[in-house]
Amino acid sequence: MATKVLVPLLGEGVEEVTVIKWLKKEGDSVNELEPLLEVNTDKVDTEIPAPASGTVLKILAEEGVPAKVGAILAFIGKPGEAVDSGQSIVGNQKAESKTEDQRSVPAQLSTLNLQPSTKQDLGFISPVVAKIAAEHGVNLQQVQGTGLNGRITKNDVLNYVESQKRRPEHVEGSNVVTSTLQPANLQPAIFQPSNVKPDTGTLDTLIKHTAIRKQIAEHMVMSKHTSPHVLTVMEADMSRVARHRSANKETFARDGINLTFTAYFMTAIVAGLKAYPNVNSTWTDEGVLVHKAVNIGMATSLGEEGLIVPVIKGADNLSLLAMARSVNDLAHRARSKKLQPDDVKGGTFTLTNHGISGSLFAFPVINQPQCGILGVGAMQKRVVVIDDAIAIRPMVYLSFVFDHRILDGASADWFLAKVKVTLENWNY
């Protein structure tokens, strides 16, 4: 009997993966535990090994197509052995979004026109589907899903919107809101950037989106639609941190640790979050959910491939040595593509060091469903006035972007000031 290749459970909360690349094709021989295909979830690529030795008899999941945990991806067996492809539960539609932590979806769903009397179970709603429905005022309870297990896809929502547009006029009880107060109705669809293709008169080159680029795009657009982003900036004198790092860098190196400035920024963020716990929170319709755990995401560049945000769990319990070790480990595994799905989950705040590429200021996008993100600019020696005297100090701009639903200007500045003071008076 042929052996089924199933989508394994790759981490807590992971319900779906996207097939990125098949490493074997139908008819190829494969050994047990030999890499068979690559899948992606939350921007983490993972190889799935063959569960048995034999010949790849049939591949059911196409590249770029999402598959639920437990879905049949392929069959392995003896050459010529019959397989029952009808058992497949892998959808045939192209993925309109990749897997997102479902905690990022309620902020979009809360804006939808859902009727409490309807009993339909919506199931998993991707951020892009929630965003489109929110923009057009669509009641998802009235949309018939054609995706896997009745899942509502992007095309389902768009087709529903088009069918409503064909109606001669809006009637009472309609699920498409036509009020001119809806911001989405103030901007015609033809002006959407994704629909604009300039006529350059030349043969342009189309670069296909990677799975990571699509996920970044969906998450960034969803974040800007979810939270009112506000930026506040302060400048920090890094003199004490620089001296401490110079004095301890060799000692840390003997333990195999590269003491970078990122570890100091992480530790300063922890101090700020402890002093102002509301920054370590998530907005919900019932209230602000303040997280007990302090899990700080560290935006890590993957070059032209994009970026990924591994998370340092329990950052409030780490010494500078342990923090530096975690920073080194996650950065190395991120760039060598050895992260596990759980490594990018559970973040409650994020740090992005855009100064690595020389940037001084930035306006980072909040990593939903978090309250804020801290951007760190390039450290430069600048002339400053200290006690009415001119001095040269290593200075850095700290850019804090926060969700204005949770924080106001004063409370955001209190947090950022705590980060600044911790860096300037470093005594850890």
Protein backbone atom coordinates (compact mmCIF):
# COMPACT_ATOMS: atom_id res chain seq x y z
CA MET A 1 0.00 0.00 0.00
CA ALA A 2 1.34 3.44 -0.96
CA THR A 3 2.55 5.68 1.84
CA LYS A 4 0.90 9.08 2.21
CA VAL A 5 3.06 12.18 2.58
CA LEU A 6 1.17 14.45 4.99
CA VAL A 7 1.62 18.04 6.10
CA PRO A 8 3.15 17.74 9.58
CA LEU A 9 2.42 20.00 12.53
CA LEU A 10 5.33 22.44 12.35
CA GLY A 11 4.56 24.46 15.45
CA GLU A 12 1.92 25.61 17.87
CA GLY A 13 -0.81 27.53 16.06
CA VAL A 14 0.43 26.53 12.59
CA GLU A 15 -2.63 25.33 10.67
CA GLU A 16 -1.48 25.78 7.10
CA VAL A 17 1.69 25.72 5.02
CA THR A 18 2.50 26.73 1.47
CA VAL A 19 4.42 24.39 -0.81
CA ILE A 20 7.47 26.29 -2.03
CA LYS A 21 9.42 23.70 -4.00
CA TRP A 22 9.31 20.00 -4.71
CA LEU A 23 12.80 18.51 -4.46
CA LYS A 24 11.64 15.32 -6.18
CA LYS A 25 9.28 14.82 -9.12
CA GLU A 26 6.89 12.01 -9.95
CA GLY A 27 8.83 8.87 -10.84
CA ASP A 28 11.92 9.81 -8.81
CA SER A 29 13.29 7.45 -6.20
CA VAL A 30 13.56 8.73 -2.65
CA ASN A 31 15.01 7.36 0.58
CA GLU A 32 13.34 7.54 3.94
CA LEU A 33 14.05 10.88 5.70
CA GLU A 34 15.54 12.34 2.52
CA PRO A 35 14.27 15.91 1.91
CA LEU A 36 11.23 15.67 -0.35
CA LEU A 37 9.84 19.21 -0.52
CA GLU A 38 10.12 22.67 1.01
CA VAL A 39 7.19 24.44 2.64
CA ASN A 40 6.80 27.92 4.08
CA THR A 41 4.90 29.18 7.07
CA ASP A 42 5.26 32.61 8.67
CA LYS A 43 8.21 33.32 6.36
CA VAL A 44 10.08 30.24 7.66
CA ASP A 45 11.12 27.69 5.03
CA THR A 46 11.15 24.09 6.24
CA GLU A 47 12.14 20.87 4.50
CA ILE A 48 9.73 17.94 4.83
CA PRO A 49 11.47 14.56 4.64
CA ALA A 50 10.09 11.46 2.93
CA PRO A 51 8.25 9.23 5.43
CA ALA A 52 9.35 6.06 3.59
CA SER A 53 11.68 4.82 0.85
CA GLY A 54 10.32 4.18 -2.61
CA THR A 55 9.18 6.00 -5.72
CA VAL A 56 7.23 9.24 -5.80
CA LEU A 57 4.03 7.90 -7.37
CA LYS A 58 1.90 11.03 -7.41
CA ILE A 59 2.24 14.65 -6.30
CA LEU A 60 -1.06 16.23 -5.25
CA ALA A 61 0.03 19.65 -3.97
CA GLU A 62 1.19 22.23 -6.47
CA GLU A 63 3.91 24.73 -5.69
CA GLY A 64 2.49 27.97 -4.32
CA VAL A 65 -0.69 26.27 -3.09
CA PRO A 66 -1.64 26.28 0.63
CA ALA A 67 -2.22 22.99 2.42
CA LYS A 68 -3.74 22.34 5.81
CA VAL A 69 -1.95 20.36 8.50
CA GLY A 70 -2.77 16.71 7.88
CA ALA A 71 -3.39 17.22 4.15
CA ILE A 72 -2.03 14.64 1.71
CA LEU A 73 0.82 16.08 -0.33
CA ALA A 74 1.96 13.04 -2.27
CA PHE A 75 2.17 9.24 -2.36
CA ILE A 76 5.31 7.10 -2.14
CA GLY A 77 5.35 3.41 -3.02
CA LYS A 78 6.50 0.77 -5.47
CA PRO A 79 6.65 1.65 -9.18
CA GLY A 80 3.27 1.09 -10.82
CA GLU A 81 1.43 0.82 -7.49
CA ALA A 82 -2.07 2.33 -7.62
CA VAL A 83 -2.94 5.31 -5.46
CA ASP A 84 -6.29 6.79 -4.50
CA SER A 85 -5.81 10.45 -5.38
CA GLY A 86 -9.40 11.09 -4.39
CA GLN A 87 -8.27 11.08 -0.77
CA SER A 88 -6.48 14.36 -1.30
CA ILE A 89 -7.69 17.27 0.80
CA VAL A 90 -5.25 19.77 -0.69
CA GLY A 91 -7.04 22.68 -2.37
CA ASN A 92 -6.42 23.49 -6.02
CA GLN A 93 -6.79 27.23 -5.78
CA LYS A 94 -3.78 29.51 -5.84
CA ALA A 95 -2.93 30.93 -2.44
CA GLU A 96 -4.20 34.43 -1.89
CA SER A 97 -2.28 34.68 1.35
CA LYS A 98 0.14 32.76 3.50
CA THR A 99 -0.38 31.55 7.07
CA GLU A 100 -0.73 34.32 9.65
CA ASP A 101 -1.11 33.99 13.39
CA GLN A 102 -4.88 34.21 13.92
CA ARG A 103 -4.31 36.82 16.58
CA SER A 104 -3.60 39.28 13.77
CA VAL A 105 -7.04 38.81 12.22
CA PRO A 106 -9.55 39.99 14.91
CA ALA A 107 -8.57 43.64 14.43
CA GLN A 108 -9.77 43.37 10.84
CA LEU A 109 -12.79 41.21 11.63
CA SER A 110 -13.99 43.70 14.21
CA THR A 111 -14.69 46.19 11.41
CA LEU A 112 -16.85 43.78 9.41
CA ASN A 113 -20.64 43.87 9.27
CA LEU A 114 -21.39 40.49 10.87
CA GLN A 115 -24.98 39.67 11.82
CA PRO A 116 -25.16 37.93 15.24
CA SER A 117 -28.23 35.90 14.20
CA THR A 118 -26.33 34.08 11.45
CA LYS A 119 -25.01 30.69 12.52
CA GLN A 120 -22.46 30.10 9.77
CA ASP A 121 -18.95 29.22 11.01
CA LEU A 122 -16.51 31.39 9.07
CA GLY A 123 -13.48 29.30 9.95
CA PHE A 124 -10.02 30.73 9.25
CA ILE A 125 -10.11 34.19 7.64
CA SER A 126 -6.79 35.38 6.19
CA PRO A 127 -5.68 39.00 6.76
CA VAL A 128 -6.02 39.88 3.07
CA VAL A 129 -9.61 38.57 2.99
CA ALA A 130 -10.46 40.47 6.18
CA LYS A 131 -8.91 43.66 4.78
CA ILE A 132 -10.84 43.50 1.50
CA ALA A 133 -14.09 42.73 3.30
CA ALA A 134 -13.55 45.63 5.73
CA GLU A 135 -12.79 48.04 2.89
CA HIS A 136 -15.96 47.15 1.01
CA GLY A 137 -18.22 46.66 4.04
CA VAL A 138 -18.90 43.03 3.12
CA ASN A 139 -20.72 40.71 5.51
CA LEU A 140 -18.63 37.54 5.30
CA GLN A 141 -21.56 35.53 6.62
CA GLN A 142 -23.20 36.05 3.24
CA VAL A 143 -20.19 35.02 1.16
CA GLN A 144 -20.05 31.45 -0.11
CA GLY A 145 -16.53 30.06 0.31
CA THR A 146 -15.04 27.98 -2.48
CA GLY A 147 -11.69 27.28 -0.89
CA LEU A 148 -10.43 24.35 1.11
CA ASN A 149 -13.17 23.06 3.44
CA GLY A 150 -15.39 25.99 2.47
CA ARG A 151 -12.77 28.61 3.29
CA ILE A 152 -13.54 32.11 2.01
CA THR A 153 -10.89 33.24 -0.46
CA LYS A 154 -9.92 36.63 -1.84
CA ASN A 155 -11.69 35.86 -5.13
CA ASP A 156 -14.86 34.89 -3.28
CA VAL A 157 -15.02 38.35 -1.66
CA LEU A 158 -14.14 40.19 -4.87
CA ASN A 159 -16.76 38.25 -6.84
CA TYR A 160 -19.34 39.05 -4.16
CA VAL A 161 -18.47 42.75 -4.34
CA GLU A 162 -18.83 42.70 -8.12
CA SER A 163 -22.21 40.97 -7.88
CA GLN A 164 -23.42 43.67 -5.48
CA LYS A 165 -22.21 46.42 -7.82
CA ARG A 166 -24.43 45.02 -10.57
CA ARG A 167 -27.51 45.69 -8.47
CA PRO A 168 -29.44 48.76 -9.69
CA GLU A 169 -29.53 50.37 -6.27
CA HIS A 170 -28.76 49.73 -2.63
CA VAL A 171 -31.61 48.11 -0.72
CA GLU A 172 -32.21 47.87 3.00
CA GLY A 173 -30.39 44.94 4.52
CA SER A 174 -27.78 44.86 1.78
CA ASN A 175 -24.37 43.69 2.96
CA VAL A 176 -22.45 46.24 0.87
CA VAL A 177 -22.25 49.54 2.72
CA THR A 178 -22.59 52.48 0.31
CA SER A 179 -22.34 55.30 2.83
CA THR A 180 -20.04 58.07 1.66
CA LEU A 181 -18.56 58.06 5.15
CA GLN A 182 -16.67 54.85 4.33
CA PRO A 183 -13.04 55.87 3.58
CA ALA A 184 -12.66 53.03 1.05
CA ASN A 185 -15.40 54.57 -1.08
CA LEU A 186 -13.56 57.87 -1.37
CA GLN A 187 -10.87 56.35 -3.54
CA PRO A 188 -11.85 54.69 -6.85
CA ALA A 189 -10.37 51.26 -7.44
CA ILE A 190 -8.53 52.48 -10.55
CA PHE A 191 -6.23 54.56 -8.35
CA GLN A 192 -5.09 51.60 -6.27
CA PRO A 193 -1.29 51.27 -6.73
CA SER A 194 -1.58 47.53 -7.43
CA ASN A 195 -3.75 48.30 -10.46
CA VAL A 196 -1.51 51.01 -11.90
CA LYS A 197 0.86 49.88 -14.67
CA PRO A 198 2.73 52.81 -16.23
CA ASP A 199 3.10 52.70 -19.97
CA THR A 200 6.87 53.12 -20.27
CA GLY A 201 6.99 52.17 -23.93
CA THR A 202 9.74 49.65 -23.17
CA LEU A 203 9.94 45.92 -22.57
CA ASP A 204 9.81 45.80 -18.77
CA THR A 205 10.80 42.78 -16.70
CA LEU A 206 8.31 41.16 -14.33
CA ILE A 207 9.97 39.76 -11.21
CA LYS A 208 7.67 37.19 -9.65
CA HIS A 209 6.91 37.65 -5.95
CA THR A 210 8.49 35.18 -3.56
CA ALA A 211 6.44 33.65 -0.77
CA ILE A 212 8.25 35.85 1.77
CA ARG A 213 7.66 39.03 -0.26
CA LYS A 214 3.93 38.26 -0.53
CA GLN A 215 3.66 37.67 3.21
CA ILE A 216 5.53 40.89 3.98
CA ALA A 217 3.25 42.83 1.63
CA GLU A 218 0.06 41.38 3.09
CA HIS A 219 1.16 41.93 6.68
CA MET A 220 2.35 45.49 6.11
CA VAL A 221 -0.86 46.54 4.34
CA MET A 222 -2.95 44.83 7.00
CA SER A 223 -1.01 46.60 9.77
CA LYS A 224 -1.51 50.05 8.23
CA HIS A 225 -5.23 49.33 7.86
CA THR A 226 -5.45 48.09 11.46
CA SER A 227 -3.55 50.55 13.66
CA PRO A 228 -3.32 54.35 13.59
CA HIS A 229 0.49 54.66 13.41
CA VAL A 230 2.13 57.57 15.26
CA LEU A 231 5.87 58.32 15.36
CA THR A 232 7.87 59.92 18.17
CA VAL A 233 11.66 60.40 18.05
CA MET A 234 14.32 60.98 20.69
CA GLU A 235 18.10 61.12 20.58
CA ALA A 236 20.31 59.07 22.88
CA ASP A 237 23.95 59.56 23.89
CA MET A 238 25.62 56.13 23.54
CA SER A 239 28.89 57.08 25.29
CA ARG A 240 28.48 54.79 28.30
CA VAL A 241 27.19 51.89 26.22
CA ALA A 242 30.11 52.25 23.80
CA ARG A 243 32.63 52.27 26.66
CA HIS A 244 30.99 49.25 28.30
CA ARG A 245 31.01 47.34 25.02
CA SER A 246 34.67 48.14 24.37
CA ALA A 247 35.61 46.98 27.87
CA ASN A 248 33.68 43.69 27.67
CA LYS A 249 33.79 42.70 24.01
CA GLU A 250 36.87 40.48 24.38
CA THR A 251 35.48 38.83 27.50
CA PHE A 252 32.26 37.94 25.70
CA ALA A 253 34.23 36.74 22.67
CA ARG A 254 36.04 34.17 24.85
CA ASP A 255 32.60 32.64 25.43
CA GLY A 256 31.97 32.62 21.70
CA ILE A 257 29.61 35.61 21.80
CA ASN A 258 29.73 38.69 19.59
CA LEU A 259 28.65 41.59 21.80
CA THR A 260 26.67 43.83 19.45
CA PHE A 261 24.78 47.03 20.21
CA THR A 262 21.53 45.14 19.55
CA ALA A 263 21.83 43.39 22.90
CA TYR A 264 22.01 46.79 24.64
CA PHE A 265 18.96 48.09 22.79
CA MET A 266 17.05 44.92 23.69
CA THR A 267 17.93 45.30 27.36
CA ALA A 268 16.91 48.96 27.32
CA ILE A 269 13.56 48.02 25.74
CA VAL A 270 13.00 45.52 28.53
CA ALA A 271 13.53 48.30 31.08
CA GLY A 272 11.01 50.46 29.24
CA LEU A 273 8.42 47.70 29.04
CA LYS A 274 8.79 46.93 32.74
CA ALA A 275 8.31 50.58 33.63
CA TYR A 276 5.32 51.02 31.27
CA PRO A 277 3.58 47.63 30.82
CA ASN A 278 0.84 49.07 28.58
CA VAL A 279 3.39 49.26 25.77
CA ASN A 280 3.70 45.47 25.99
CA SER A 281 0.10 44.94 24.92
CA THR A 282 -2.45 44.22 22.21
CA TRP A 283 -5.65 46.06 21.33
CA THR A 284 -8.90 44.06 21.58
CA ASP A 285 -12.52 45.15 21.34
CA GLU A 286 -13.00 44.29 25.03
CA GLY A 287 -9.96 46.21 26.24
CA VAL A 288 -6.18 46.45 26.13
CA LEU A 289 -4.60 43.03 26.67
CA VAL A 290 -1.38 43.56 28.65
CA HIS A 291 1.02 40.66 28.18
CA LYS A 292 2.79 39.16 31.14
CA ALA A 293 5.52 37.67 28.93
CA VAL A 294 8.10 40.04 27.44
CA ASN A 295 8.97 38.53 24.06
CA ILE A 296 10.91 40.92 21.82
CA GLY A 297 11.09 40.41 18.08
CA MET A 298 14.32 41.27 16.29
CA ALA A 299 13.84 42.30 12.66
CA THR A 300 16.58 40.55 10.68
CA SER A 301 17.42 41.36 7.08
CA LEU A 302 17.67 38.49 4.62
CA GLY A 303 19.06 40.72 1.90
CA GLU A 304 17.01 40.95 -1.26
CA GLU A 305 14.80 38.10 -0.04
CA GLY A 306 13.17 40.37 2.56
CA LEU A 307 13.25 40.22 6.33
CA ILE A 308 12.12 38.01 9.14
CA VAL A 309 11.45 38.69 12.82
CA PRO A 310 12.67 35.95 15.18
CA VAL A 311 11.56 36.41 18.78
CA ILE A 312 13.60 36.38 21.98
CA LYS A 313 11.25 34.76 24.48
CA GLY A 314 11.35 35.82 28.13
CA ALA A 315 13.67 38.73 27.37
CA ASP A 316 12.97 40.24 30.79
CA ASN A 317 14.76 37.31 32.44
CA LEU A 318 18.00 37.60 30.46
CA SER A 319 21.30 39.16 31.47
CA LEU A 320 23.28 41.11 28.90
CA LEU A 321 25.39 37.99 28.25
CA ALA A 322 22.33 35.81 27.71
CA MET A 323 20.70 38.50 25.58
CA ALA A 324 23.76 38.77 23.35
CA ARG A 325 23.86 34.99 23.01
CA SER A 326 20.20 34.91 21.95
CA VAL A 327 20.73 37.74 19.46
CA ASN A 328 23.69 35.89 17.89
CA ASP A 329 21.83 32.60 17.73
CA LEU A 330 18.63 33.92 16.17
CA ALA A 331 20.43 36.15 13.68
CA HIS A 332 22.65 33.27 12.54
CA ARG A 333 19.77 30.81 12.19
CA ALA A 334 17.64 33.41 10.40
CA ARG A 335 20.28 34.09 7.76
CA SER A 336 21.11 30.39 7.34
CA LYS A 337 17.38 29.54 7.09
CA LYS A 338 17.42 27.26 10.11
CA LEU A 339 14.67 28.94 12.12
CA GLN A 340 11.73 26.89 13.33
CA PRO A 341 8.12 28.19 13.04
CA ASP A 342 7.94 28.71 16.82
CA ASP A 343 10.99 31.01 16.62
CA VAL A 344 8.91 33.73 14.92
CA LYS A 345 5.79 33.46 17.06
CA GLY A 346 4.66 35.05 20.31
CA GLY A 347 6.33 38.45 19.99
CA THR A 348 4.94 41.27 22.15
CA PHE A 349 7.22 44.09 20.90
CA THR A 350 9.71 44.53 18.05
CA LEU A 351 13.10 46.16 17.50
CA THR A 352 14.33 47.07 14.02
CA ASN A 353 17.88 48.33 13.57
CA HIS A 354 17.57 50.24 10.29
CA GLY A 355 20.80 52.08 11.10
CA ILE A 356 22.81 49.10 9.87
CA SER A 357 22.37 50.38 6.33
CA GLY A 358 23.16 53.98 7.29
CA SER A 359 19.63 55.25 7.90
CA LEU A 360 19.23 57.94 10.56
CA PHE A 361 15.43 58.18 10.76
CA ALA A 362 12.68 55.74 9.89
CA PHE A 363 8.95 55.19 10.33
CA PRO A 364 8.71 51.42 10.90
CA VAL A 365 5.44 49.55 10.46
CA ILE A 366 3.98 47.94 13.59
CA ASN A 367 4.26 44.17 13.69
CA GLN A 368 0.63 43.22 14.36
CA PRO A 369 -0.92 42.58 16.79
CA GLN A 370 1.70 44.39 18.88
CA CYS A 371 1.39 47.91 20.29
CA GLY A 372 4.64 49.33 19.00
CA ILE A 373 8.00 48.98 17.30
CA LEU A 374 11.30 50.74 18.03
CA GLY A 375 13.58 51.76 15.19
CA VAL A 376 17.26 52.46 15.84
CA GLY A 377 19.22 54.69 13.47
CA ALA A 378 22.91 54.71 12.64
CA MET A 379 25.18 55.79 15.49
CA GLN A 380 27.18 58.88 14.57
CA LYS A 381 29.52 61.21 16.41
CA ARG A 382 27.79 64.58 16.61
CA VAL A 383 28.38 67.90 18.30
CA VAL A 384 26.14 68.33 21.34
CA VAL A 385 25.91 70.81 24.20
CA ILE A 386 26.54 69.35 27.66
CA ASP A 387 26.49 71.65 30.70
CA ASP A 388 26.80 74.68 28.39
CA ALA A 389 29.93 73.20 26.81
CA ILE A 390 30.34 71.81 23.31
CA ALA A 391 31.20 68.11 23.18
CA ILE A 392 31.37 65.32 20.63
CA ARG A 393 29.33 62.25 21.50
CA PRO A 394 28.22 59.04 19.73
CA MET A 395 24.52 59.75 19.18
CA VAL A 396 21.65 57.67 17.87
CA TYR A 397 18.04 58.50 16.97
CA LEU A 398 15.36 56.28 18.51
CA SER A 399 12.14 56.16 16.46
CA PHE A 400 9.17 54.73 18.34
CA VAL A 401 6.03 53.97 16.32
CA PHE A 402 2.99 53.15 18.42
CA ASP A 403 -0.68 52.26 18.11
CA HIS A 404 -2.58 55.44 18.97
CA ARG A 405 -5.57 53.35 20.06
CA ILE A 406 -3.51 52.11 23.01
CA LEU A 407 -1.04 54.90 23.75
CA ASP A 408 -1.20 58.66 23.63
CA GLY A 409 1.72 60.94 22.93
CA ALA A 410 2.66 61.42 26.58
CA SER A 411 2.60 57.71 27.52
CA ALA A 412 4.59 56.83 24.39
CA ASP A 413 7.19 59.46 25.25
CA TRP A 414 7.46 58.14 28.82
CA PHE A 415 8.38 54.71 27.48
CA LEU A 416 10.86 56.07 24.95
CA ALA A 417 12.43 58.33 27.57
CA LYS A 418 12.98 55.28 29.80
CA VAL A 419 14.78 53.52 26.94
CA LYS A 420 16.88 56.63 26.35
CA VAL A 421 17.81 57.06 30.03
CA THR A 422 18.72 53.38 30.33
CA LEU A 423 21.17 53.69 27.44
CA GLU A 424 22.65 56.98 28.56
CA ASN A 425 23.11 55.88 32.19
CA TRP A 426 24.17 52.31 31.43
CA ASN A 427 25.17 50.52 34.65
CA TYR A 428 24.20 46.89 34.05
